[in-house]
Amino acid sequence: MNEPIVVRHWLTAAAPKAAPAVATTTVLALARIWNANGAEHSVGNAALMAVLAAGAAAGGVSLARAGEPVLAATGYAVSGSLALAGVAGYSDGLSLPVLLWALATVLAYCFAARHWRQDRRDALDHERHVSERREERAHVERVETIRATAQIEVARAGGAYPEQLAAALVHRAALPGFDFTALESAGLPELPTAREDR
């Protein structure tokens, strides 16, 4: 019932939202470093990146057919990253790599937003289910508390009556001038406890 309240730091909440931009920026930065170290106008390096990107895309297609959507999306992301790195490493200017980086970042956010929406829906469904179960259990607890309290009160009332009756009999027998035989001759019901006391 009493769950701890967890307050997440704003960086923890913002980190998943920044992940696509960080990933594409990292690929662009590494590709530009590779460009500065000899990949500019290198057909062999461009061909290598094209083969790797095509292989990753083919892996994504085969994983999608096998029914593995998360791994397929990973294969497609790797393919796109390799293609971006190949173009950014091969080209001599900065305008085409920056344009491709912006396009890749927008696409990454489009795909990630779909997953974030689904995660948010799942979290809301789970929270709704938990709150319904919590309310149901609280209702059952209240009903059981009322039932137990009623049983205790009935037991108290049932135990108090014989005690009060016994105390009244003892008190009446102790009164001065009490005559049990006079009560019997008057036709009042017999009191066995008083006869046994005598």
C-alpha atoms as a PDB file:
ATOM      1  CA  MET A   1       0.000   0.000   0.000  1.00  0.00           C
ATOM      2  CA  ASN A   2       2.759   2.446   0.942  1.00  0.00           C
ATOM      3  CA  GLU A   3       5.074   2.518  -2.046  1.00  0.00           C
ATOM      4  CA  PRO A   4       8.160   4.728  -1.986  1.00  0.00           C
ATOM      5  CA  ILE A   5       7.931   7.928  -3.990  1.00  0.00           C
ATOM      6  CA  VAL A   6      10.710   8.010  -6.571  1.00  0.00           C
ATOM      7  CA  VAL A   7      11.656  11.377  -8.032  1.00  0.00           C
ATOM      8  CA  ARG A   8      13.819  11.033 -11.103  1.00  0.00           C
ATOM      9  CA  HIS A   9      16.493  13.602 -11.852  1.00  0.00           C
ATOM     10  CA  TRP A  10      15.757  15.682 -14.930  1.00  0.00           C
ATOM     11  CA  LEU A  11      18.892  14.347 -16.648  1.00  0.00           C
ATOM     12  CA  THR A  12      17.663  10.789 -16.162  1.00  0.00           C
ATOM     13  CA  ALA A  13      14.345  11.709 -17.767  1.00  0.00           C
ATOM     14  CA  ALA A  14      15.977  13.661 -20.624  1.00  0.00           C
ATOM     15  CA  ALA A  15      18.707  11.125 -21.502  1.00  0.00           C
ATOM     16  CA  PRO A  16      16.490   8.829 -23.617  1.00  0.00           C
ATOM     17  CA  LYS A  17      15.164  11.841 -25.510  1.00  0.00           C
ATOM     18  CA  ALA A  18      18.685  12.951 -26.398  1.00  0.00           C
ATOM     19  CA  ALA A  19      19.923   9.488 -27.426  1.00  0.00           C
ATOM     20  CA  PRO A  20      19.046   9.719 -31.169  1.00  0.00           C
ATOM     21  CA  ALA A  21      20.751  13.102 -31.570  1.00  0.00           C
ATOM     22  CA  VAL A  22      23.800  11.925 -29.600  1.00  0.00           C
ATOM     23  CA  ALA A  23      24.052   8.773 -31.734  1.00  0.00           C
ATOM     24  CA  THR A  24      23.858  10.556 -35.109  1.00  0.00           C
ATOM     25  CA  THR A  25      26.219  13.312 -33.937  1.00  0.00           C
ATOM     26  CA  THR A  26      28.737  10.712 -32.771  1.00  0.00           C
ATOM     27  CA  VAL A  27      28.584   8.943 -36.157  1.00  0.00           C
ATOM     28  CA  LEU A  28      29.069  12.273 -37.974  1.00  0.00           C
ATOM     29  CA  ALA A  29      32.010  13.251 -35.748  1.00  0.00           C
ATOM     30  CA  LEU A  30      33.722   9.878 -36.204  1.00  0.00           C
ATOM     31  CA  ALA A  31      33.137  10.006 -39.960  1.00  0.00           C
ATOM     32  CA  ARG A  32      34.668  13.466 -40.192  1.00  0.00           C
ATOM     33  CA  ILE A  33      37.681  12.284 -38.176  1.00  0.00           C
ATOM     34  CA  TRP A  34      37.957   9.361 -40.587  1.00  0.00           C
ATOM     35  CA  ASN A  35      37.666  11.840 -43.489  1.00  0.00           C
ATOM     36  CA  ALA A  36      40.554  13.880 -42.112  1.00  0.00           C
ATOM     37  CA  ASN A  37      42.682  10.730 -41.799  1.00  0.00           C
ATOM     38  CA  GLY A  38      42.503   9.683 -45.447  1.00  0.00           C
ATOM     39  CA  ALA A  39      38.988   8.538 -46.275  1.00  0.00           C
ATOM     40  CA  GLU A  40      38.228  11.594 -48.403  1.00  0.00           C
ATOM     41  CA  HIS A  41      37.634  10.471 -52.032  1.00  0.00           C
ATOM     42  CA  SER A  42      38.814   6.960 -51.139  1.00  0.00           C
ATOM     43  CA  VAL A  43      36.804   4.545 -53.313  1.00  0.00           C
ATOM     44  CA  GLY A  44      37.935   1.529 -51.297  1.00  0.00           C
ATOM     45  CA  ASN A  45      36.719   2.998 -48.019  1.00  0.00           C
ATOM     46  CA  ALA A  46      33.423   4.067 -49.608  1.00  0.00           C
ATOM     47  CA  ALA A  47      32.951   0.575 -51.095  1.00  0.00           C
ATOM     48  CA  LEU A  48      33.674  -0.999 -47.690  1.00  0.00           C
ATOM     49  CA  MET A  49      31.043   1.178 -46.000  1.00  0.00           C
ATOM     50  CA  ALA A  50      28.532   0.428 -48.802  1.00  0.00           C
ATOM     51  CA  VAL A  51      29.048  -3.332 -48.373  1.00  0.00           C
ATOM     52  CA  LEU A  52      28.741  -3.076 -44.576  1.00  0.00           C
ATOM     53  CA  ALA A  53      25.582  -0.934 -44.848  1.00  0.00           C
ATOM     54  CA  ALA A  54      24.034  -3.370 -47.349  1.00  0.00           C
ATOM     55  CA  GLY A  55      24.928  -6.314 -45.075  1.00  0.00           C
ATOM     56  CA  ALA A  56      23.347  -4.643 -42.057  1.00  0.00           C
ATOM     57  CA  ALA A  57      20.207  -3.838 -44.081  1.00  0.00           C
ATOM     58  CA  ALA A  58      20.002  -7.452 -45.309  1.00  0.00           C
ATOM     59  CA  GLY A  59      20.364  -8.618 -41.693  1.00  0.00           C
ATOM     60  CA  GLY A  60      17.547  -6.280 -40.691  1.00  0.00           C
ATOM     61  CA  VAL A  61      15.309  -7.685 -43.442  1.00  0.00           C
ATOM     62  CA  SER A  62      15.998 -11.289 -42.430  1.00  0.00           C
ATOM     63  CA  LEU A  63      15.383 -10.488 -38.746  1.00  0.00           C
ATOM     64  CA  ALA A  64      12.125  -8.739 -39.640  1.00  0.00           C
ATOM     65  CA  ARG A  65      10.978 -11.853 -41.523  1.00  0.00           C
ATOM     66  CA  ALA A  66      11.993 -14.008 -38.546  1.00  0.00           C
ATOM     67  CA  GLY A  67       9.699 -11.972 -36.289  1.00  0.00           C
ATOM     68  CA  GLU A  68      12.358 -10.067 -34.330  1.00  0.00           C
ATOM     69  CA  PRO A  69      11.263  -6.420 -34.626  1.00  0.00           C
ATOM     70  CA  VAL A  70      13.738  -5.001 -32.106  1.00  0.00           C
ATOM     71  CA  LEU A  71      16.745  -6.698 -33.692  1.00  0.00           C
ATOM     72  CA  ALA A  72      15.487  -5.765 -37.166  1.00  0.00           C
ATOM     73  CA  ALA A  73      15.252  -2.107 -36.130  1.00  0.00           C
ATOM     74  CA  THR A  74      18.785  -2.368 -34.756  1.00  0.00           C
ATOM     75  CA  GLY A  75      20.000  -3.787 -38.083  1.00  0.00           C
ATOM     76  CA  TYR A  76      18.364  -0.950 -39.991  1.00  0.00           C
ATOM     77  CA  ALA A  77      19.848   1.629 -37.606  1.00  0.00           C
ATOM     78  CA  VAL A  78      23.330   0.149 -38.078  1.00  0.00           C
ATOM     79  CA  SER A  79      22.842   0.177 -41.843  1.00  0.00           C
ATOM     80  CA  GLY A  80      21.819   3.829 -41.811  1.00  0.00           C
ATOM     81  CA  SER A  81      24.728   4.738 -39.539  1.00  0.00           C
ATOM     82  CA  LEU A  82      27.222   3.011 -41.822  1.00  0.00           C
ATOM     83  CA  ALA A  83      25.752   4.742 -44.881  1.00  0.00           C
ATOM     84  CA  LEU A  84      25.953   8.133 -43.127  1.00  0.00           C
ATOM     85  CA  ALA A  85      29.524   7.441 -42.045  1.00  0.00           C
ATOM     86  CA  GLY A  86      30.502   6.360 -45.554  1.00  0.00           C
ATOM     87  CA  VAL A  87      29.110   9.490 -47.200  1.00  0.00           C
ATOM     88  CA  ALA A  88      30.469  11.801 -44.484  1.00  0.00           C
ATOM     89  CA  GLY A  89      33.877  10.149 -44.712  1.00  0.00           C
ATOM     90  CA  TYR A  90      34.037  10.196 -48.527  1.00  0.00           C
ATOM     91  CA  SER A  91      32.774  13.733 -49.216  1.00  0.00           C
ATOM     92  CA  ASP A  92      35.140  16.677 -49.094  1.00  0.00           C
ATOM     93  CA  GLY A  93      32.677  19.387 -48.057  1.00  0.00           C
ATOM     94  CA  LEU A  94      30.706  19.675 -44.827  1.00  0.00           C
ATOM     95  CA  SER A  95      27.305  20.577 -46.315  1.00  0.00           C
ATOM     96  CA  LEU A  96      26.326  17.076 -47.507  1.00  0.00           C
ATOM     97  CA  PRO A  97      27.360  15.324 -44.242  1.00  0.00           C
ATOM     98  CA  VAL A  98      25.464  17.918 -42.171  1.00  0.00           C
ATOM     99  CA  LEU A  99      22.388  17.533 -44.398  1.00  0.00           C
ATOM    100  CA  LEU A 100      22.536  13.751 -44.030  1.00  0.00           C
ATOM    101  CA  TRP A 101      23.088  14.109 -40.260  1.00  0.00           C
ATOM    102  CA  ALA A 102      19.957  16.297 -39.976  1.00  0.00           C
ATOM    103  CA  LEU A 103      17.943  13.835 -42.060  1.00  0.00           C
ATOM    104  CA  ALA A 104      19.194  10.859 -40.018  1.00  0.00           C
ATOM    105  CA  THR A 105      18.428  12.665 -36.752  1.00  0.00           C
ATOM    106  CA  VAL A 106      14.870  13.467 -37.851  1.00  0.00           C
ATOM    107  CA  LEU A 107      14.305   9.853 -38.963  1.00  0.00           C
ATOM    108  CA  ALA A 108      15.756   8.534 -35.699  1.00  0.00           C
ATOM    109  CA  TYR A 109      13.388  10.753 -33.704  1.00  0.00           C
ATOM    110  CA  CYS A 110      10.422   9.643 -35.845  1.00  0.00           C
ATOM    111  CA  PHE A 111      11.138   5.970 -35.156  1.00  0.00           C
ATOM    112  CA  ALA A 112      11.957   6.583 -31.494  1.00  0.00           C
ATOM    113  CA  ALA A 113       8.770   8.617 -30.933  1.00  0.00           C
ATOM    114  CA  ARG A 114       6.690   5.603 -31.956  1.00  0.00           C
ATOM    115  CA  HIS A 115       8.411   3.443 -29.350  1.00  0.00           C
ATOM    116  CA  TRP A 116       8.160   6.176 -26.704  1.00  0.00           C
ATOM    117  CA  ARG A 117       4.409   6.452 -27.308  1.00  0.00           C
ATOM    118  CA  GLN A 118       4.008   2.691 -26.963  1.00  0.00           C
ATOM    119  CA  ASP A 119       6.088   2.683 -23.770  1.00  0.00           C
ATOM    120  CA  ARG A 120       3.987   5.526 -22.367  1.00  0.00           C
ATOM    121  CA  ARG A 121       0.771   3.633 -23.227  1.00  0.00           C
ATOM    122  CA  ASP A 122       2.108   0.488 -21.572  1.00  0.00           C
ATOM    123  CA  ALA A 123       3.144   2.433 -18.468  1.00  0.00           C
ATOM    124  CA  LEU A 124      -0.284   4.102 -18.227  1.00  0.00           C
ATOM    125  CA  ASP A 125      -2.058   0.752 -18.668  1.00  0.00           C
ATOM    126  CA  HIS A 126       0.107  -0.784 -15.973  1.00  0.00           C
ATOM    127  CA  GLU A 127      -0.497   2.134 -13.604  1.00  0.00           C
ATOM    128  CA  ARG A 128      -4.251   1.952 -14.251  1.00  0.00           C
ATOM    129  CA  HIS A 129      -4.252  -1.801 -13.616  1.00  0.00           C
ATOM    130  CA  VAL A 130      -2.250  -1.398 -10.403  1.00  0.00           C
ATOM    131  CA  SER A 131      -4.542   1.369  -9.118  1.00  0.00           C
ATOM    132  CA  GLU A 132      -7.643  -0.731  -9.877  1.00  0.00           C
ATOM    133  CA  ARG A 133      -6.170  -3.694  -8.013  1.00  0.00           C
ATOM    134  CA  ARG A 134      -5.191  -1.415  -5.143  1.00  0.00           C
ATOM    135  CA  GLU A 135      -8.733  -0.023  -4.910  1.00  0.00           C
ATOM    136  CA  GLU A 136     -10.205  -3.525  -5.086  1.00  0.00           C
ATOM    137  CA  ARG A 137      -7.950  -4.740  -2.288  1.00  0.00           C
ATOM    138  CA  ALA A 138      -8.724  -1.664  -0.203  1.00  0.00           C
ATOM    139  CA  HIS A 139     -12.450  -2.369  -0.638  1.00  0.00           C
ATOM    140  CA  VAL A 140     -11.974  -6.002   0.426  1.00  0.00           C
ATOM    141  CA  GLU A 141      -9.936  -4.819   3.415  1.00  0.00           C
ATOM    142  CA  ARG A 142     -12.678  -2.389   4.470  1.00  0.00           C
ATOM    143  CA  VAL A 143     -15.368  -5.071   4.159  1.00  0.00           C
ATOM    144  CA  GLU A 144     -13.304  -7.545   6.192  1.00  0.00           C
ATOM    145  CA  THR A 145     -12.598  -4.886   8.838  1.00  0.00           C
ATOM    146  CA  ILE A 146     -16.308  -4.118   9.143  1.00  0.00           C
ATOM    147  CA  ARG A 147     -17.147  -7.831   9.363  1.00  0.00           C
ATOM    148  CA  ALA A 148     -14.492  -8.472  12.033  1.00  0.00           C
ATOM    149  CA  THR A 149     -15.593  -5.437  14.038  1.00  0.00           C
ATOM    150  CA  ALA A 150     -19.211  -6.620  13.916  1.00  0.00           C
ATOM    151  CA  GLN A 151     -18.200 -10.108  15.084  1.00  0.00           C
ATOM    152  CA  ILE A 152     -16.220  -8.622  17.969  1.00  0.00           C
ATOM    153  CA  GLU A 153     -19.159  -6.449  19.001  1.00  0.00           C
ATOM    154  CA  VAL A 154     -21.544  -9.426  18.831  1.00  0.00           C
ATOM    155  CA  ALA A 155     -19.140 -11.493  20.932  1.00  0.00           C
ATOM    156  CA  ARG A 156     -18.841  -8.675  23.461  1.00  0.00           C
ATOM    157  CA  ALA A 157     -22.600  -8.245  23.646  1.00  0.00           C
ATOM    158  CA  GLY A 158     -23.116 -12.002  23.926  1.00  0.00           C
ATOM    159  CA  GLY A 159     -20.562 -12.273  26.725  1.00  0.00           C
ATOM    160  CA  ALA A 160     -21.805  -9.203  28.574  1.00  0.00           C
ATOM    161  CA  TYR A 161     -25.390 -10.445  28.948  1.00  0.00           C
ATOM    162  CA  PRO A 162     -24.576 -13.621  30.966  1.00  0.00           C
ATOM    163  CA  GLU A 163     -22.161 -11.632  33.124  1.00  0.00           C
ATOM    164  CA  GLN A 164     -24.809  -9.015  33.861  1.00  0.00           C
ATOM    165  CA  LEU A 165     -27.439 -11.692  34.538  1.00  0.00           C
ATOM    166  CA  ALA A 166     -25.151 -13.546  36.954  1.00  0.00           C
ATOM    167  CA  ALA A 167     -24.260 -10.288  38.699  1.00  0.00           C
ATOM    168  CA  ALA A 168     -27.968  -9.420  39.033  1.00  0.00           C
ATOM    169  CA  LEU A 169     -28.767 -12.861  40.503  1.00  0.00           C
ATOM    170  CA  VAL A 170     -25.952 -12.602  42.994  1.00  0.00           C
ATOM    171  CA  HIS A 171     -26.937  -9.063  43.901  1.00  0.00           C
ATOM    172  CA  ARG A 172     -30.609 -10.022  44.321  1.00  0.00           C
ATOM    173  CA  ALA A 173     -29.749 -13.007  46.527  1.00  0.00           C
ATOM    174  CA  ALA A 174     -27.676 -10.725  48.741  1.00  0.00           C
ATOM    175  CA  LEU A 175     -30.507  -8.260  49.325  1.00  0.00           C
ATOM    176  CA  PRO A 176     -31.913  -8.219  52.870  1.00  0.00           C
ATOM    177  CA  GLY A 177     -35.283  -9.860  53.160  1.00  0.00           C
ATOM    178  CA  PHE A 178     -34.978 -11.892  49.991  1.00  0.00           C
ATOM    179  CA  ASP A 179     -37.036 -15.083  50.335  1.00  0.00           C
ATOM    180  CA  PHE A 180     -36.771 -17.587  47.563  1.00  0.00           C
ATOM    181  CA  THR A 181     -39.718 -19.740  48.767  1.00  0.00           C
ATOM    182  CA  ALA A 182     -42.015 -16.708  48.710  1.00  0.00           C
ATOM    183  CA  LEU A 183     -41.127 -16.156  45.088  1.00  0.00           C
ATOM    184  CA  GLU A 184     -41.847 -19.793  44.269  1.00  0.00           C
ATOM    185  CA  SER A 185     -45.221 -19.727  46.021  1.00  0.00           C
ATOM    186  CA  ALA A 186     -46.163 -16.574  44.111  1.00  0.00           C
ATOM    187  CA  GLY A 187     -45.798 -18.602  40.908  1.00  0.00           C
ATOM    188  CA  LEU A 188     -42.668 -16.936  39.564  1.00  0.00           C
ATOM    189  CA  PRO A 189     -40.307 -19.117  37.547  1.00  0.00           C
ATOM    190  CA  GLU A 190     -37.791 -21.202  39.392  1.00  0.00           C
ATOM    191  CA  LEU A 191     -34.256 -19.882  39.604  1.00  0.00           C
ATOM    192  CA  PRO A 192     -31.983 -22.921  39.699  1.00  0.00           C
ATOM    193  CA  THR A 193     -28.857 -20.933  40.495  1.00  0.00           C
ATOM    194  CA  ALA A 194     -30.473 -19.477  43.627  1.00  0.00           C
ATOM    195  CA  ARG A 195     -31.637 -22.949  44.780  1.00  0.00           C
ATOM    196  CA  GLU A 196     -28.158 -24.355  44.294  1.00  0.00           C
ATOM    197  CA  ASP A 197     -26.705 -21.470  46.337  1.00  0.00           C
ATOM    198  CA  ARG A 198     -29.002 -22.360  49.239  1.00  0.00           C
END
